[in-house]
Amino acid sequence: MRKLLKYVPMMTLCLLLTACGGSGEAEAANLRDLYHDMTGCTMEALVSCDQEGLAWEAELRCGYIPGGESTVEVLAPETIAGVKAVLNDTDWRLEYEDLCLNAGTLSQEEISPAMCLPRLMNALRDGWLLEENEEEWNDVPCLRVTVDQSGAQDGKIVSTVWLRRDDGTPLRGEIAVDGEIILTAEFTSFAFYDTMETQEN
């Protein structure tokens, strides 16, 4: 009986430690549920890429609809402002003949800046969770979520999104292909269609 009592505190400690890990996973699941359940969202972000001498940066507005057509509009720079792209799960097209928005194919997975914001939303909805941890970004408490999505050409696509702890909206996103970060997004506004409560940065 004394031996059993001696092990009870150790067993309790193990259970508490296990519960701590489960809490973090539960939080990540709860925040991702916001994206699983949404009817759509609208967002604005500064999207940039820098790969093999190709530097590209633009302010984009995106209206995202899961399983439907999403639109991406350039807000800046002024030289291509107003250019729009329409995207779905299989392809994308420009509404105008100007091809500046595409900025070339950044990898064999054919990821372009135009697809950055819809891809980050798809990753939050359907990606395989690799890790999550608490992390501040620009002094904002966030949950950093990293997910994996297999590429059409068998490339490893990993997306990382910093979600605000208070409301689950995105603050920053990164897309990496085969270990190289090719796109980053700094979100400046975000709203779910069903709530239309906009988070301004």
Protein backbone atom coordinates (compact mmCIF):
# COMPACT_ATOMS: atom_id res chain seq x y z
CA MET A 1 0.00 0.00 0.00
CA ARG A 2 2.86 2.40 0.83
CA LYS A 3 4.47 1.66 -2.54
CA LEU A 4 1.21 2.48 -4.31
CA LEU A 5 0.87 5.79 -2.44
CA LYS A 6 4.45 6.67 -3.34
CA TYR A 7 3.66 6.38 -7.06
CA VAL A 8 0.39 8.33 -6.96
CA PRO A 9 2.05 11.83 -7.15
CA MET A 10 4.17 10.69 -10.11
CA MET A 11 1.13 9.30 -11.91
CA THR A 12 -0.77 12.56 -11.29
CA LEU A 13 2.12 14.61 -12.69
CA CYS A 14 2.20 12.49 -15.84
CA LEU A 15 -1.52 12.98 -16.35
CA LEU A 16 -1.17 16.76 -15.92
CA LEU A 17 1.67 16.92 -18.43
CA THR A 18 -0.37 14.94 -20.93
CA ALA A 19 -3.32 17.26 -20.43
CA CYS A 20 -1.14 20.30 -21.16
CA GLY A 21 -0.19 18.94 -24.58
CA GLY A 22 -3.79 18.08 -25.37
CA SER A 23 -4.91 21.61 -24.54
CA GLY A 24 -2.65 23.11 -27.21
CA GLU A 25 -3.90 20.67 -29.82
CA ALA A 26 -7.49 21.41 -28.83
CA GLU A 27 -6.89 25.14 -29.24
CA ALA A 28 -5.43 24.64 -32.72
CA ALA A 29 -8.40 22.45 -33.64
CA ASN A 30 -10.87 25.02 -32.32
CA LEU A 31 -9.30 27.86 -34.28
CA ARG A 32 -9.17 25.77 -37.46
CA ASP A 33 -12.85 24.92 -36.98
CA LEU A 34 -13.58 28.59 -37.72
CA TYR A 35 -12.20 28.00 -41.22
CA HIS A 36 -13.85 24.60 -41.70
CA ASP A 37 -17.25 26.07 -40.86
CA MET A 38 -17.05 29.41 -42.66
CA THR A 39 -19.06 30.18 -45.78
CA GLY A 40 -16.24 32.42 -46.97
CA CYS A 41 -14.11 35.38 -46.02
CA THR A 42 -12.66 38.61 -47.31
CA MET A 43 -9.12 39.73 -46.55
CA GLU A 44 -6.39 42.16 -47.51
CA ALA A 45 -2.68 41.50 -47.22
CA LEU A 46 0.74 42.59 -48.38
CA VAL A 47 2.02 39.59 -50.34
CA SER A 48 5.69 39.30 -51.27
CA CYS A 49 8.08 36.80 -52.79
CA ASP A 50 11.81 36.73 -53.33
CA GLN A 51 13.22 33.72 -55.15
CA GLU A 52 16.18 33.35 -57.49
CA GLY A 53 16.37 37.06 -58.21
CA LEU A 54 12.61 37.46 -58.59
CA ALA A 55 11.31 40.09 -56.16
CA TRP A 56 7.58 40.82 -56.16
CA GLU A 57 5.35 42.67 -53.71
CA ALA A 58 1.74 43.80 -53.90
CA GLU A 59 -1.24 44.66 -51.73
CA LEU A 60 -4.02 42.19 -52.52
CA ARG A 61 -7.70 41.93 -51.65
CA CYS A 62 -9.20 38.45 -51.74
CA GLY A 63 -12.75 37.17 -51.54
CA TYR A 64 -12.47 33.47 -50.69
CA ILE A 65 -15.29 30.92 -51.08
CA PRO A 66 -14.53 27.30 -50.09
CA GLY A 67 -15.10 24.97 -53.02
CA GLY A 68 -16.17 27.85 -55.26
CA GLU A 69 -14.61 30.69 -57.18
CA SER A 70 -12.40 33.12 -55.30
CA THR A 71 -11.31 36.53 -56.54
CA VAL A 72 -8.02 38.33 -55.99
CA GLU A 73 -7.63 42.03 -56.80
CA VAL A 74 -4.44 44.10 -56.83
CA LEU A 75 -4.70 47.25 -54.69
CA ALA A 76 -1.06 48.34 -55.13
CA PRO A 77 1.33 49.04 -56.81
CA GLU A 78 -0.56 51.60 -58.86
CA THR A 79 0.82 50.30 -62.15
CA ILE A 80 -1.25 47.10 -61.87
CA ALA A 81 -3.96 48.23 -59.41
CA GLY A 82 -7.39 46.92 -60.40
CA VAL A 83 -6.12 43.77 -62.08
CA LYS A 84 -8.24 40.84 -60.91
CA ALA A 85 -7.84 37.08 -60.98
CA VAL A 86 -10.58 34.48 -60.61
CA LEU A 87 -9.51 31.18 -59.05
CA ASN A 88 -11.04 27.80 -58.33
CA ASP A 89 -9.66 24.46 -57.13
CA THR A 90 -8.17 23.55 -60.51
CA ASP A 91 -7.05 26.71 -62.30
CA TRP A 92 -7.08 30.48 -62.35
CA ARG A 93 -7.47 33.22 -64.93
CA LEU A 94 -7.05 36.96 -65.23
CA GLU A 95 -10.05 39.11 -66.03
CA TYR A 96 -7.76 41.36 -68.09
CA GLU A 97 -4.99 40.58 -70.56
CA ASP A 98 -2.24 42.02 -68.31
CA LEU A 99 -0.18 39.06 -67.01
CA CYS A 100 1.71 40.97 -64.28
CA LEU A 101 -0.26 39.35 -61.46
CA ASN A 102 1.07 35.89 -62.19
CA ALA A 103 4.72 37.00 -61.80
CA GLY A 104 5.82 33.67 -63.22
CA THR A 105 5.72 30.20 -61.77
CA LEU A 106 7.65 30.14 -58.50
CA SER A 107 8.12 26.37 -58.30
CA GLN A 108 7.27 23.13 -60.08
CA GLU A 109 4.07 23.17 -58.02
CA GLU A 110 2.95 26.23 -60.03
CA ILE A 111 2.31 28.41 -56.99
CA SER A 112 1.94 32.07 -57.90
CA PRO A 113 1.45 35.21 -55.78
CA ALA A 114 -2.14 35.36 -57.02
CA MET A 115 -2.83 32.05 -55.27
CA CYS A 116 -1.14 32.90 -51.97
CA LEU A 117 -4.17 33.98 -49.92
CA PRO A 118 -6.60 31.27 -51.17
CA ARG A 119 -3.89 28.64 -50.61
CA LEU A 120 -3.38 29.75 -47.02
CA MET A 121 -7.13 29.43 -46.41
CA ASN A 122 -7.17 25.98 -48.04
CA ALA A 123 -4.25 24.95 -45.85
CA LEU A 124 -6.07 26.01 -42.66
CA ARG A 125 -9.13 24.07 -43.77
CA ASP A 126 -7.61 20.87 -45.16
CA GLY A 127 -3.87 20.73 -44.39
CA TRP A 128 -2.27 18.02 -42.24
CA LEU A 129 -1.28 19.58 -38.91
CA LEU A 130 2.48 19.34 -38.37
CA GLU A 131 2.90 21.58 -35.33
CA GLU A 132 1.33 24.35 -33.31
CA ASN A 133 2.76 26.55 -30.60
CA GLU A 134 2.17 29.87 -28.88
CA GLU A 135 4.22 32.67 -30.38
CA GLU A 136 4.00 36.46 -30.45
CA TRP A 137 4.23 38.27 -33.77
CA ASN A 138 4.79 42.03 -33.51
CA ASP A 139 3.75 41.82 -29.85
CA VAL A 140 0.43 40.15 -30.73
CA PRO A 141 -0.23 36.81 -28.92
CA CYS A 142 -0.71 34.18 -31.63
CA LEU A 143 -1.04 30.49 -32.18
CA ARG A 144 1.48 29.51 -34.87
CA VAL A 145 0.01 26.69 -36.95
CA THR A 146 2.05 24.73 -39.53
CA VAL A 147 0.30 22.37 -41.95
CA ASP A 148 1.38 20.18 -44.84
CA GLN A 149 -0.36 19.81 -48.19
CA SER A 150 0.93 17.38 -50.80
CA GLY A 151 1.63 19.05 -54.12
CA ALA A 152 0.32 17.98 -57.49
CA GLN A 153 3.93 17.27 -58.57
CA ASP A 154 4.80 15.49 -55.29
CA GLY A 155 6.49 18.60 -53.92
CA LYS A 156 6.26 19.25 -50.19
CA ILE A 157 4.15 22.35 -49.59
CA VAL A 158 4.15 23.62 -46.01
CA SER A 159 2.04 26.59 -44.93
CA THR A 160 2.49 28.42 -41.64
CA VAL A 161 -0.12 30.86 -40.32
CA TRP A 162 0.00 33.02 -37.20
CA LEU A 163 -3.57 33.17 -35.83
CA ARG A 164 -4.54 35.71 -33.18
CA ARG A 165 -5.27 34.03 -29.87
CA ASP A 166 -8.25 36.30 -29.16
CA ASP A 167 -10.34 35.74 -32.30
CA GLY A 168 -8.49 33.27 -34.56
CA THR A 169 -8.01 35.68 -37.47
CA PRO A 170 -4.72 35.51 -39.40
CA LEU A 171 -1.90 37.97 -38.81
CA ARG A 172 0.85 36.49 -41.01
CA GLY A 173 1.26 33.58 -43.41
CA GLU A 174 4.11 31.80 -45.16
CA ILE A 175 4.17 29.20 -47.94
CA ALA A 176 7.26 27.02 -48.41
CA VAL A 177 7.94 24.51 -51.18
CA ASP A 178 10.54 21.83 -50.54
CA GLY A 179 11.88 23.74 -47.54
CA GLU A 180 12.16 27.16 -49.22
CA ILE A 181 9.81 29.99 -48.24
CA ILE A 182 8.57 31.45 -51.51
CA LEU A 183 5.61 33.58 -50.41
CA THR A 184 4.76 35.65 -47.33
CA ALA A 185 1.56 37.50 -46.46
CA GLU A 186 1.12 40.25 -43.87
CA PHE A 187 -2.63 40.53 -43.26
CA THR A 188 -4.02 44.04 -42.87
CA SER A 189 -7.73 43.15 -42.60
CA PHE A 190 -9.89 40.03 -42.36
CA ALA A 191 -13.60 39.23 -42.02
CA PHE A 192 -15.66 36.04 -42.13
CA TYR A 193 -18.64 36.30 -44.49
CA ASP A 194 -21.05 34.87 -41.95
CA THR A 195 -20.08 37.39 -39.24
CA MET A 196 -18.58 40.25 -41.29
CA GLU A 197 -16.67 41.35 -38.21
CA THR A 198 -13.54 42.86 -39.67
CA GLN A 199 -10.19 42.70 -37.86
CA GLU A 200 -8.05 45.69 -38.84
CA ASN A 201 -4.31 45.63 -38.13
